[in-house]
N, C-alpha and C. Protein backbone atom coordinates (compact mmCIF):
# COMPACT_ATOMS: atom_id res chain seq x y z
N MET A 1 97.56 64.01 223.20
CA MET A 1 98.08 64.81 222.80
C MET A 1 99.50 64.75 223.13
N ALA A 2 101.08 64.57 222.21
CA ALA A 2 102.36 64.86 222.62
C ALA A 2 102.94 66.05 222.56
N ARG A 3 103.82 65.94 224.33
CA ARG A 3 104.71 66.78 224.02
C ARG A 3 105.81 66.57 223.39
N PHE A 4 106.51 67.84 222.95
CA PHE A 4 108.04 67.78 222.99
C PHE A 4 108.64 69.02 222.72
N THR A 5 109.90 68.92 223.20
CA THR A 5 110.42 70.52 222.92
C THR A 5 112.11 70.05 222.24
N VAL A 6 112.16 70.97 221.88
CA VAL A 6 112.93 71.35 220.87
C VAL A 6 114.53 71.94 221.41
N ASN A 7 115.09 71.44 221.29
CA ASN A 7 116.88 72.05 221.96
C ASN A 7 117.50 72.30 220.70
N ASP A 8 117.23 74.06 220.68
CA ASP A 8 117.79 75.06 219.39
C ASP A 8 119.03 75.58 219.98
N SER A 9 119.67 75.06 220.79
CA SER A 9 121.32 75.47 221.30
C SER A 9 122.33 75.15 220.05
N GLU A 10 122.36 74.64 218.62
CA GLU A 10 123.08 74.29 217.92
C GLU A 10 122.76 75.65 217.33
N VAL A 11 121.41 75.11 217.17
CA VAL A 11 120.86 76.88 215.92
C VAL A 11 121.50 78.18 216.18
N ARG A 12 121.39 78.45 217.70
CA ARG A 12 121.80 79.66 218.13
C ARG A 12 123.65 79.62 218.39
N ALA A 13 124.41 78.92 218.32
CA ALA A 13 125.39 78.80 218.01
C ALA A 13 125.94 79.15 216.67
N MET A 14 124.67 78.75 215.56
CA MET A 14 125.73 78.35 214.18
C MET A 14 124.99 79.86 213.73
N PHE A 15 123.75 80.93 214.40
CA PHE A 15 124.11 82.01 214.66
C PHE A 15 124.58 83.63 214.98
N LYS A 16 125.57 82.37 216.14
CA LYS A 16 126.05 83.56 216.69
C LYS A 16 127.34 83.43 216.14
N GLN A 17 127.89 82.38 215.37
CA GLN A 17 128.99 82.09 214.62
C GLN A 17 128.88 82.90 213.38
N LEU A 18 127.65 83.25 212.75
CA LEU A 18 127.83 83.71 211.21
C LEU A 18 127.61 85.28 211.77
N GLU A 19 127.06 85.59 212.68
CA GLU A 19 127.42 87.09 213.58
C GLU A 19 128.72 87.51 213.48
N GLU A 20 129.95 86.80 214.49
CA GLU A 20 130.56 87.06 214.59
C GLU A 20 131.71 87.06 213.11
N MET A 21 130.90 86.03 212.04
CA MET A 21 131.71 85.83 211.10
C MET A 21 131.95 86.92 210.00
N GLN A 22 131.26 87.75 210.00
CA GLN A 22 131.34 88.93 209.12
C GLN A 22 131.94 89.90 209.46
N PHE A 23 133.08 89.81 210.75
CA PHE A 23 133.77 91.23 211.43
C PHE A 23 135.30 90.33 210.80
N GLU A 24 135.37 89.19 211.39
CA GLU A 24 136.58 88.55 210.92
C GLU A 24 136.43 88.38 209.20
N VAL A 25 135.34 88.24 208.16
CA VAL A 25 135.88 88.03 206.71
C VAL A 25 136.53 89.31 206.38
N MET A 26 135.60 90.81 206.90
CA MET A 26 135.95 91.84 206.57
C MET A 26 137.18 91.95 206.90
N THR A 27 137.58 91.80 208.16
CA THR A 27 138.84 91.67 208.29
C THR A 27 140.38 91.38 207.53
N ASP A 28 139.64 90.15 207.27
CA ASP A 28 141.10 89.55 206.24
C ASP A 28 140.27 90.42 204.73
N ALA A 29 139.14 90.48 204.95
CA ALA A 29 139.02 91.34 203.32
C ALA A 29 139.60 92.51 203.28
N GLY A 30 140.04 93.34 204.42
CA GLY A 30 140.37 94.93 204.30
C GLY A 30 142.18 94.41 203.67
N ARG A 31 142.71 93.14 204.80
CA ARG A 31 144.15 93.45 204.43
C ARG A 31 144.06 92.51 203.21
N TYR A 32 143.41 91.77 202.10
CA TYR A 32 143.68 91.45 201.35
C TYR A 32 143.95 92.26 200.22
N PHE A 33 142.36 93.78 200.32
CA PHE A 33 142.29 94.89 199.97
C PHE A 33 143.69 96.11 199.86
N LYS A 34 144.05 95.74 200.77
CA LYS A 34 145.71 96.98 201.56
C LYS A 34 146.37 96.03 199.84
N LYS A 35 146.32 94.53 200.69
CA LYS A 35 147.94 93.73 200.05
C LYS A 35 147.99 93.98 198.56
N ILE A 36 146.86 93.81 197.59
CA ILE A 36 146.89 93.95 196.40
C ILE A 36 146.47 95.71 195.71
N THR A 37 146.70 96.37 196.97
CA THR A 37 146.73 97.75 196.21
C THR A 37 147.87 97.75 195.70
N PRO A 38 148.13 98.73 194.41
CA PRO A 38 149.67 99.14 193.84
C PRO A 38 150.35 100.05 194.82
N VAL A 39 151.76 100.06 194.65
CA VAL A 39 152.90 100.60 195.43
C VAL A 39 153.65 101.21 194.33
N ASP A 40 153.80 102.57 194.59
CA ASP A 40 154.15 103.03 194.25
C ASP A 40 155.33 103.40 195.63
N LYS A 41 155.02 104.64 196.49
CA LYS A 41 155.84 105.38 197.45
C LYS A 41 155.04 104.89 198.88
N GLY A 42 153.50 103.75 198.53
CA GLY A 42 153.60 103.52 199.95
C GLY A 42 152.08 104.31 200.06
N TYR A 43 151.59 105.87 199.36
CA TYR A 43 150.91 106.40 200.28
C TYR A 43 149.42 105.78 200.26
N ALA A 44 148.70 104.91 198.81
CA ALA A 44 147.75 104.06 199.06
C ALA A 44 147.40 103.61 200.08
N ARG A 45 148.45 102.54 200.18
CA ARG A 45 148.68 101.56 200.80
C ARG A 45 148.22 101.81 202.24
N SER A 46 149.10 102.97 202.66
CA SER A 46 149.26 103.78 204.35
C SER A 46 147.78 104.29 204.64
N ARG A 47 147.07 104.29 203.31
CA ARG A 47 145.53 105.47 203.37
C ARG A 47 144.67 104.27 203.17
N THR A 48 144.79 103.04 203.19
CA THR A 48 143.59 102.45 203.04
C THR A 48 143.38 101.58 204.54
N ASP A 49 142.10 101.58 205.19
CA ASP A 49 141.79 100.88 205.97
C ASP A 49 140.54 100.32 206.52
N THR A 50 140.43 99.65 207.39
CA THR A 50 139.24 98.68 207.30
C THR A 50 138.69 98.86 208.99
N LYS A 51 137.39 99.77 208.90
CA LYS A 51 136.74 99.74 210.68
C LYS A 51 134.73 99.70 210.33
N HIS A 52 134.54 99.40 210.95
CA HIS A 52 133.21 98.91 211.14
C HIS A 52 132.39 98.30 209.89
N LEU A 53 133.25 97.26 209.18
CA LEU A 53 132.55 96.55 208.18
C LEU A 53 132.97 97.10 206.74
N LYS A 54 133.66 98.16 206.84
CA LYS A 54 133.73 98.93 205.90
C LYS A 54 135.15 99.34 205.31
N ILE A 55 135.55 98.79 204.14
CA ILE A 55 136.86 99.12 203.86
C ILE A 55 136.72 100.23 203.01
N SER A 56 137.73 101.19 203.61
CA SER A 56 138.03 102.98 202.89
C SER A 56 139.03 102.76 202.29
N ALA A 57 139.67 103.54 200.92
CA ALA A 57 140.71 104.39 200.67
C ALA A 57 140.61 105.52 200.21
N LYS A 58 141.31 106.33 201.28
CA LYS A 58 141.54 107.62 201.54
C LYS A 58 141.95 108.79 201.06
N TYR A 59 142.47 108.50 199.79
CA TYR A 59 143.84 109.11 198.65
C TYR A 59 142.69 109.13 197.09
N PRO A 60 143.32 110.61 197.19
CA PRO A 60 142.39 110.91 195.83
C PRO A 60 142.33 110.49 194.64
N TYR A 61 143.14 109.68 194.07
CA TYR A 61 143.22 108.80 193.28
C TYR A 61 142.88 106.95 193.22
N ALA A 62 141.88 106.97 194.59
CA ALA A 62 141.58 105.89 194.69
C ALA A 62 140.69 105.06 193.48
N GLY A 63 140.16 105.79 192.83
CA GLY A 63 138.57 105.39 191.81
C GLY A 63 139.93 105.04 190.80
N ARG A 64 140.84 106.05 190.54
CA ARG A 64 141.62 105.43 189.02
C ARG A 64 142.64 103.80 189.02
N LEU A 65 142.71 104.18 190.53
CA LEU A 65 143.65 102.62 191.02
C LEU A 65 142.69 101.82 190.88
N ASP A 66 141.13 101.76 191.24
CA ASP A 66 140.30 100.93 191.55
C ASP A 66 139.64 100.45 190.03
N ASP A 67 139.82 101.66 188.88
CA ASP A 67 139.31 100.87 187.49
C ASP A 67 140.59 100.24 187.26
N GLY A 68 141.66 100.73 187.42
CA GLY A 68 142.79 99.33 187.09
C GLY A 68 143.80 100.19 185.76
N TRP A 69 143.45 101.46 186.21
CA TRP A 69 144.79 102.44 185.78
C TRP A 69 146.04 101.84 185.65
N SER A 70 146.48 101.18 187.06
CA SER A 70 147.78 100.49 187.27
C SER A 70 148.06 99.07 186.70
N ARG A 71 149.21 98.97 186.19
CA ARG A 71 149.50 98.05 185.69
C ARG A 71 150.01 97.18 186.74
N GLN A 72 149.83 97.33 187.80
CA GLN A 72 150.23 96.14 189.11
C GLN A 72 148.84 95.65 189.64
N ALA A 73 147.87 96.40 189.20
CA ALA A 73 146.76 96.07 189.80
C ALA A 73 145.68 96.26 188.29
N PRO A 74 145.45 95.58 187.56
CA PRO A 74 144.69 95.72 186.21
C PRO A 74 143.53 95.73 186.37
N GLN A 75 143.15 94.58 187.33
CA GLN A 75 141.56 94.65 187.78
C GLN A 75 140.89 95.60 188.97
N GLY A 76 141.34 96.18 188.95
CA GLY A 76 141.32 97.08 190.28
C GLY A 76 141.59 96.35 191.67
N MET A 77 140.93 96.73 192.88
CA MET A 77 141.37 96.55 194.06
C MET A 77 139.34 95.78 194.51
N SER A 78 138.47 96.54 193.95
CA SER A 78 137.33 95.97 194.45
C SER A 78 136.95 94.56 194.05
N ALA A 79 136.57 94.51 192.41
CA ALA A 79 136.44 93.46 191.90
C ALA A 79 136.77 92.01 192.62
N PRO A 80 138.40 92.02 192.79
CA PRO A 80 138.82 90.69 193.52
C PRO A 80 138.70 90.73 194.93
N THR A 81 138.58 91.93 195.65
CA THR A 81 138.17 91.76 196.87
C THR A 81 136.88 91.08 197.02
N GLU A 82 135.80 91.37 196.27
CA GLU A 82 134.22 90.65 196.16
C GLU A 82 134.58 89.43 195.76
N LYS A 83 135.48 89.02 195.66
CA LYS A 83 135.41 87.58 195.18
C LYS A 83 136.23 86.98 196.28
N TYR A 84 137.00 87.47 196.97
CA TYR A 84 137.88 86.70 198.52
C TYR A 84 136.46 86.73 199.65
N ILE A 85 135.84 87.74 199.44
CA ILE A 85 134.48 87.82 200.27
C ILE A 85 133.59 86.51 200.14
N ASP A 86 133.33 86.47 198.87
CA ASP A 86 132.46 85.42 198.68
C ASP A 86 132.92 84.13 198.50
N LYS A 87 133.98 83.92 198.28
CA LYS A 87 135.11 82.97 198.86
C LYS A 87 135.28 82.17 200.19
N ALA A 88 135.76 83.37 200.83
CA ALA A 88 135.95 83.28 202.91
C ALA A 88 134.18 82.98 203.45
N ILE A 89 133.67 83.85 202.80
CA ILE A 89 132.01 83.44 203.08
C ILE A 89 131.53 82.00 203.29
N THR A 90 132.22 81.86 201.90
CA THR A 90 131.36 79.95 201.94
C THR A 90 131.85 79.06 202.20
N GLU A 91 133.41 79.25 202.68
CA GLU A 91 134.68 78.78 203.69
C GLU A 91 133.72 78.65 204.94
N GLU A 92 133.49 80.14 205.50
CA GLU A 92 133.01 80.23 206.80
C GLU A 92 131.99 79.35 207.15
N ILE A 93 130.78 79.45 206.05
CA ILE A 93 129.79 78.74 206.37
C ILE A 93 129.94 77.10 206.46
N ARG A 94 130.48 76.62 205.09
CA ARG A 94 131.04 75.23 205.31
C ARG A 94 131.66 74.69 206.89
N ARG A 95 132.86 75.57 207.43
CA ARG A 95 133.22 75.59 208.19
C ARG A 95 132.26 75.06 209.65
N ILE A 96 131.15 76.00 209.64
CA ILE A 96 129.88 76.51 210.58
C ILE A 96 129.28 75.14 210.69
N ASN A 97 128.66 74.48 209.04
CA ASN A 97 128.35 73.17 208.97
C ASN A 97 128.48 72.38 209.71
N ARG A 98 129.89 72.21 209.50
CA ARG A 98 130.50 70.49 209.76
C ARG A 98 130.04 70.17 211.85
């Protein structure tokens, strides 16, 4: 009977990178969401933040803006940010697999 050991250090390192990736991606996504938030007087952007992997838009008309009410963001902010996140995750996974 043959015995062998498997060195799983690369797999463990990959999982650690994937775990850290969520914070990096969500931080970047929060900045992107804020950047595409329409600006009139800046209230909406000033009331948008990212904490604990969650983007929060803390102003009463956030839903209307996200529904495309503003000409500055006709697609809202959530749908473009979701696409941004998908792209960022794909790029990070490709980077990790190298």
